[in-house]
Amino acid sequence: MRKGTKAMQDSDEERAAEDVLGRWATFGLALSDKRKYPVQEFGAFVQAMR
Protein backbone atom coordinates (compact mmCIF):
# COMPACT_ATOMS: atom_id res chain seq x y z
CA MET A 1 0.00 0.00 0.00
CA ARG A 2 1.29 3.43 -0.90
CA LYS A 3 1.68 5.96 1.86
CA GLY A 4 -0.88 8.46 0.50
CA THR A 5 -3.54 5.88 -0.38
CA LYS A 6 -5.09 5.69 3.10
CA ALA A 7 -5.33 9.48 3.36
CA MET A 8 -6.93 9.68 -0.08
CA GLN A 9 -9.44 6.97 0.86
CA ASP A 10 -10.35 8.82 4.07
CA SER A 11 -10.76 12.03 2.09
CA ASP A 12 -13.09 10.31 -0.40
CA GLU A 13 -15.14 8.83 2.44
CA GLU A 14 -15.39 12.21 4.16
CA ARG A 15 -16.55 13.86 0.92
CA ALA A 16 -19.15 11.11 0.44
CA ALA A 17 -20.35 11.50 4.03
CA GLU A 18 -20.66 15.28 3.61
CA ASP A 19 -22.65 14.74 0.41
CA VAL A 20 -25.03 12.34 2.17
CA LEU A 21 -25.54 14.74 5.07
CA GLY A 22 -26.19 17.61 2.68
CA ARG A 23 -28.73 15.59 0.73
CA TRP A 24 -30.41 14.50 3.98
CA ALA A 25 -30.70 18.14 5.06
CA THR A 26 -32.16 19.14 1.69
CA PHE A 27 -34.65 16.28 1.89
CA GLY A 28 -35.64 17.29 5.41
CA LEU A 29 -36.26 20.88 4.33
CA ALA A 30 -38.29 19.70 1.35
CA LEU A 31 -40.51 17.67 3.69
CA SER A 32 -41.72 20.91 5.24
CA ASP A 33 -43.78 21.50 2.08
CA LYS A 34 -46.95 19.71 3.17
CA ARG A 35 -48.49 19.78 -0.31
CA LYS A 36 -46.27 17.17 -1.96
CA TYR A 37 -43.72 14.50 -1.13
CA PRO A 38 -40.19 15.51 -2.26
CA VAL A 39 -39.54 12.59 -4.61
CA GLN A 40 -36.61 14.24 -6.39
CA GLU A 41 -34.82 15.12 -3.15
CA PHE A 42 -35.42 11.63 -1.75
CA GLY A 43 -34.01 10.07 -4.92
CA ALA A 44 -30.88 12.24 -4.69
CA PHE A 45 -30.41 11.19 -1.04
CA VAL A 46 -30.77 7.49 -1.91
CA GLN A 47 -28.24 7.82 -4.74
CA ALA A 48 -25.76 9.51 -2.40
CA MET A 49 -26.19 6.67 0.11
CA ARG A 50 -25.24 4.07 -2.49
PDB file of N, CA and C in Angstrom:
ATOM      1  N   MET A   1       0.845  -1.176   0.000  1.00  0.00           N
ATOM      2  CA  MET A   1       0.000   0.000   0.000  1.00  0.00           C
ATOM      3  C   MET A   1       0.889   1.237   0.000  1.00  0.00           C
ATOM      4  N   ARG A   2       0.535   2.188  -0.863  1.00  0.00           N
ATOM      5  CA  ARG A   2       1.288   3.434  -0.901  1.00  0.00           C
ATOM      6  C   ARG A   2       0.932   4.285   0.301  1.00  0.00           C
ATOM      7  N   LYS A   3       1.848   5.127   0.675  1.00  0.00           N
ATOM      8  CA  LYS A   3       1.678   5.961   1.863  1.00  0.00           C
ATOM      9  C   LYS A   3       0.459   6.882   1.776  1.00  0.00           C
ATOM     10  N   GLY A   4       0.207   7.501   0.641  1.00  0.00           N
ATOM     11  CA  GLY A   4      -0.880   8.456   0.500  1.00  0.00           C
ATOM     12  C   GLY A   4      -2.236   7.827   0.223  1.00  0.00           C
ATOM     13  N   THR A   5      -2.288   6.539  -0.014  1.00  0.00           N
ATOM     14  CA  THR A   5      -3.536   5.883  -0.384  1.00  0.00           C
ATOM     15  C   THR A   5      -4.564   5.932   0.741  1.00  0.00           C
ATOM     16  N   LYS A   6      -4.162   5.680   1.960  1.00  0.00           N
ATOM     17  CA  LYS A   6      -5.085   5.693   3.098  1.00  0.00           C
ATOM     18  C   LYS A   6      -5.677   7.092   3.298  1.00  0.00           C
ATOM     19  N   ALA A   7      -4.849   8.107   3.202  1.00  0.00           N
ATOM     20  CA  ALA A   7      -5.333   9.481   3.363  1.00  0.00           C
ATOM     21  C   ALA A   7      -6.324   9.837   2.254  1.00  0.00           C
ATOM     22  N   MET A   8      -6.048   9.386   1.038  1.00  0.00           N
ATOM     23  CA  MET A   8      -6.932   9.677  -0.077  1.00  0.00           C
ATOM     24  C   MET A   8      -8.263   8.954   0.121  1.00  0.00           C
ATOM     25  N   GLN A   9      -8.218   7.718   0.612  1.00  0.00           N
ATOM     26  CA  GLN A   9      -9.442   6.970   0.855  1.00  0.00           C
ATOM     27  C   GLN A   9     -10.281   7.658   1.930  1.00  0.00           C
ATOM     28  N   ASP A  10      -9.642   8.107   3.006  1.00  0.00           N
ATOM     29  CA  ASP A  10     -10.349   8.819   4.067  1.00  0.00           C
ATOM     30  C   ASP A  10     -10.982  10.090   3.518  1.00  0.00           C
ATOM     31  N   SER A  11     -10.253  10.797   2.674  1.00  0.00           N
ATOM     32  CA  SER A  11     -10.756  12.027   2.088  1.00  0.00           C
ATOM     33  C   SER A  11     -11.990  11.745   1.224  1.00  0.00           C
ATOM     34  N   ASP A  12     -11.946  10.692   0.426  1.00  0.00           N
ATOM     35  CA  ASP A  12     -13.090  10.311  -0.402  1.00  0.00           C
ATOM     36  C   ASP A  12     -14.290   9.939   0.460  1.00  0.00           C
ATOM     37  N   GLU A  13     -14.052   9.219   1.539  1.00  0.00           N
ATOM     38  CA  GLU A  13     -15.135   8.827   2.439  1.00  0.00           C
ATOM     39  C   GLU A  13     -15.732  10.050   3.126  1.00  0.00           C
ATOM     40  N   GLU A  14     -14.889  10.991   3.523  1.00  0.00           N
ATOM     41  CA  GLU A  14     -15.387  12.215   4.158  1.00  0.00           C
ATOM     42  C   GLU A  14     -16.232  13.030   3.190  1.00  0.00           C
ATOM     43  N   ARG A  15     -15.783  13.129   1.935  1.00  0.00           N
ATOM     44  CA  ARG A  15     -16.552  13.857   0.925  1.00  0.00           C
ATOM     45  C   ARG A  15     -17.899  13.187   0.701  1.00  0.00           C
ATOM     46  N   ALA A  16     -17.901  11.854   0.634  1.00  0.00           N
ATOM     47  CA  ALA A  16     -19.149  11.115   0.436  1.00  0.00           C
ATOM     48  C   ALA A  16     -20.086  11.328   1.628  1.00  0.00           C
ATOM     49  N   ALA A  17     -19.539  11.301   2.825  1.00  0.00           N
ATOM     50  CA  ALA A  17     -20.352  11.502   4.029  1.00  0.00           C
ATOM     51  C   ALA A  17     -20.942  12.910   4.051  1.00  0.00           C
ATOM     52  N   GLU A  18     -20.166  13.909   3.667  1.00  0.00           N
ATOM     53  CA  GLU A  18     -20.661  15.278   3.610  1.00  0.00           C
ATOM     54  C   GLU A  18     -21.780  15.403   2.583  1.00  0.00           C
ATOM     55  N   ASP A  19     -21.632  14.717   1.452  1.00  0.00           N
ATOM     56  CA  ASP A  19     -22.652  14.741   0.412  1.00  0.00           C
ATOM     57  C   ASP A  19     -23.952  14.133   0.932  1.00  0.00           C
ATOM     58  N   VAL A  20     -23.849  12.997   1.611  1.00  0.00           N
ATOM     59  CA  VAL A  20     -25.031  12.337   2.168  1.00  0.00           C
ATOM     60  C   VAL A  20     -25.717  13.243   3.184  1.00  0.00           C
ATOM     61  N   LEU A  21     -24.950  13.852   4.063  1.00  0.00           N
ATOM     62  CA  LEU A  21     -25.541  14.740   5.069  1.00  0.00           C
ATOM     63  C   LEU A  21     -26.220  15.950   4.424  1.00  0.00           C
ATOM     64  N   GLY A  22     -25.596  16.481   3.397  1.00  0.00           N
ATOM     65  CA  GLY A  22     -26.189  17.611   2.685  1.00  0.00           C
ATOM     66  C   GLY A  22     -27.492  17.236   2.008  1.00  0.00           C
ATOM     67  N   ARG A  23     -27.505  16.058   1.389  1.00  0.00           N
ATOM     68  CA  ARG A  23     -28.731  15.593   0.725  1.00  0.00           C
ATOM     69  C   ARG A  23     -29.830  15.316   1.756  1.00  0.00           C
ATOM     70  N   TRP A  24     -29.435  14.773   2.920  1.00  0.00           N
ATOM     71  CA  TRP A  24     -30.406  14.505   3.978  1.00  0.00           C
ATOM     72  C   TRP A  24     -31.031  15.821   4.469  1.00  0.00           C
ATOM     73  N   ALA A  25     -30.205  16.841   4.624  1.00  0.00           N
ATOM     74  CA  ALA A  25     -30.702  18.141   5.063  1.00  0.00           C
ATOM     75  C   ALA A  25     -31.661  18.731   4.027  1.00  0.00           C
ATOM     76  N   THR A  26     -31.304  18.627   2.764  1.00  0.00           N
ATOM     77  CA  THR A  26     -32.163  19.138   1.689  1.00  0.00           C
ATOM     78  C   THR A  26     -33.491  18.399   1.679  1.00  0.00           C
ATOM     79  N   PHE A  27     -33.442  17.085   1.846  1.00  0.00           N
ATOM     80  CA  PHE A  27     -34.653  16.276   1.888  1.00  0.00           C
ATOM     81  C   PHE A  27     -35.522  16.689   3.075  1.00  0.00           C
ATOM     82  N   GLY A  28     -34.894  16.879   4.223  1.00  0.00           N
ATOM     83  CA  GLY A  28     -35.641  17.293   5.412  1.00  0.00           C
ATOM     84  C   GLY A  28     -36.331  18.628   5.219  1.00  0.00           C
ATOM     85  N   LEU A  29     -35.647  19.570   4.606  1.00  0.00           N
ATOM     86  CA  LEU A  29     -36.263  20.879   4.331  1.00  0.00           C
ATOM     87  C   LEU A  29     -37.419  20.745   3.346  1.00  0.00           C
ATOM     88  N   ALA A  30     -37.245  19.879   2.350  1.00  0.00           N
ATOM     89  CA  ALA A  30     -38.295  19.696   1.349  1.00  0.00           C
ATOM     90  C   ALA A  30     -39.538  19.058   1.961  1.00  0.00           C
ATOM     91  N   LEU A  31     -39.365  18.284   3.033  1.00  0.00           N
ATOM     92  CA  LEU A  31     -40.514  17.665   3.691  1.00  0.00           C
ATOM     93  C   LEU A  31     -41.424  18.703   4.356  1.00  0.00           C
ATOM     94  N   SER A  32     -40.903  19.885   4.599  1.00  0.00           N
ATOM     95  CA  SER A  32     -41.721  20.913   5.242  1.00  0.00           C
ATOM     96  C   SER A  32     -42.838  21.420   4.324  1.00  0.00           C
ATOM     97  N   ASP A  33     -42.711  21.149   3.021  1.00  0.00           N
ATOM     98  CA  ASP A  33     -43.780  21.495   2.081  1.00  0.00           C
ATOM     99  C   ASP A  33     -44.844  20.406   2.183  1.00  0.00           C
ATOM    100  N   LYS A  34     -45.921  20.707   2.877  1.00  0.00           N
ATOM    101  CA  LYS A  34     -46.951  19.709   3.167  1.00  0.00           C
ATOM    102  C   LYS A  34     -47.785  19.323   1.940  1.00  0.00           C
ATOM    103  N   ARG A  35     -47.649  20.031   0.859  1.00  0.00           N
ATOM    104  CA  ARG A  35     -48.488  19.781  -0.308  1.00  0.00           C
ATOM    105  C   ARG A  35     -48.037  18.589  -1.148  1.00  0.00           C
ATOM    106  N   LYS A  36     -46.743  18.288  -1.138  1.00  0.00           N
ATOM    107  CA  LYS A  36     -46.269  17.173  -1.963  1.00  0.00           C
ATOM    108  C   LYS A  36     -45.050  16.527  -1.325  1.00  0.00           C
ATOM    109  N   TYR A  37     -44.868  15.243  -1.624  1.00  0.00           N
ATOM    110  CA  TYR A  37     -43.718  14.497  -1.134  1.00  0.00           C
ATOM    111  C   TYR A  37     -42.522  14.817  -2.030  1.00  0.00           C
ATOM    112  N   PRO A  38     -41.362  15.119  -1.459  1.00  0.00           N
ATOM    113  CA  PRO A  38     -40.189  15.513  -2.256  1.00  0.00           C
ATOM    114  C   PRO A  38     -39.477  14.310  -2.908  1.00  0.00           C
ATOM    115  N   VAL A  39     -40.059  13.783  -3.951  1.00  0.00           N
ATOM    116  CA  VAL A  39     -39.540  12.590  -4.614  1.00  0.00           C
ATOM    117  C   VAL A  39     -38.134  12.825  -5.156  1.00  0.00           C
ATOM    118  N   GLN A  40     -37.914  13.960  -5.799  1.00  0.00           N
ATOM    119  CA  GLN A  40     -36.612  14.238  -6.394  1.00  0.00           C
ATOM    120  C   GLN A  40     -35.521  14.322  -5.318  1.00  0.00           C
ATOM    121  N   GLU A  41     -35.795  14.992  -4.221  1.00  0.00           N
ATOM    122  CA  GLU A  41     -34.815  15.116  -3.146  1.00  0.00           C
ATOM    123  C   GLU A  41     -34.549  13.777  -2.489  1.00  0.00           C
ATOM    124  N   PHE A  42     -35.600  12.965  -2.330  1.00  0.00           N
ATOM    125  CA  PHE A  42     -35.416  11.631  -1.750  1.00  0.00           C
ATOM    126  C   PHE A  42     -34.555  10.775  -2.665  1.00  0.00           C
ATOM    127  N   GLY A  43     -34.796  10.834  -3.959  1.00  0.00           N
ATOM    128  CA  GLY A  43     -34.005  10.073  -4.923  1.00  0.00           C
ATOM    129  C   GLY A  43     -32.537  10.469  -4.898  1.00  0.00           C
ATOM    130  N   ALA A  44     -32.277  11.761  -4.766  1.00  0.00           N
ATOM    131  CA  ALA A  44     -30.884  12.239  -4.693  1.00  0.00           C
ATOM    132  C   ALA A  44     -30.207  11.736  -3.411  1.00  0.00           C
ATOM    133  N   PHE A  45     -30.955  11.717  -2.303  1.00  0.00           N
ATOM    134  CA  PHE A  45     -30.412  11.193  -1.040  1.00  0.00           C
ATOM    135  C   PHE A  45     -30.095   9.708  -1.166  1.00  0.00           C
ATOM    136  N   VAL A  46     -30.991   8.939  -1.751  1.00  0.00           N
ATOM    137  CA  VAL A  46     -30.766   7.493  -1.914  1.00  0.00           C
ATOM    138  C   VAL A  46     -29.541   7.242  -2.782  1.00  0.00           C
ATOM    139  N   GLN A  47     -29.405   7.983  -3.858  1.00  0.00           N
ATOM    140  CA  GLN A  47     -28.236   7.818  -4.740  1.00  0.00           C
ATOM    141  C   GLN A  47     -26.947   8.124  -3.997  1.00  0.00           C
ATOM    142  N   ALA A  48     -26.967   9.149  -3.170  1.00  0.00           N
ATOM    143  CA  ALA A  48     -25.765   9.506  -2.404  1.00  0.00           C
ATOM    144  C   ALA A  48     -25.414   8.412  -1.396  1.00  0.00           C
ATOM    145  N   MET A  49     -26.428   7.746  -0.855  1.00  0.00           N
ATOM    146  CA  MET A  49     -26.191   6.667   0.112  1.00  0.00           C
ATOM    147  C   MET A  49     -25.518   5.461  -0.534  1.00  0.00           C
ATOM    148  N   ARG A  50     -25.806   5.237  -1.796  1.00  0.00           N
ATOM    149  CA  ARG A  50     -25.239   4.072  -2.492  1.00  0.00           C
ATOM    150  C   ARG A  50     -23.800   4.341  -2.754  1.00  0.00           C
TER     151      ARG A  50
END
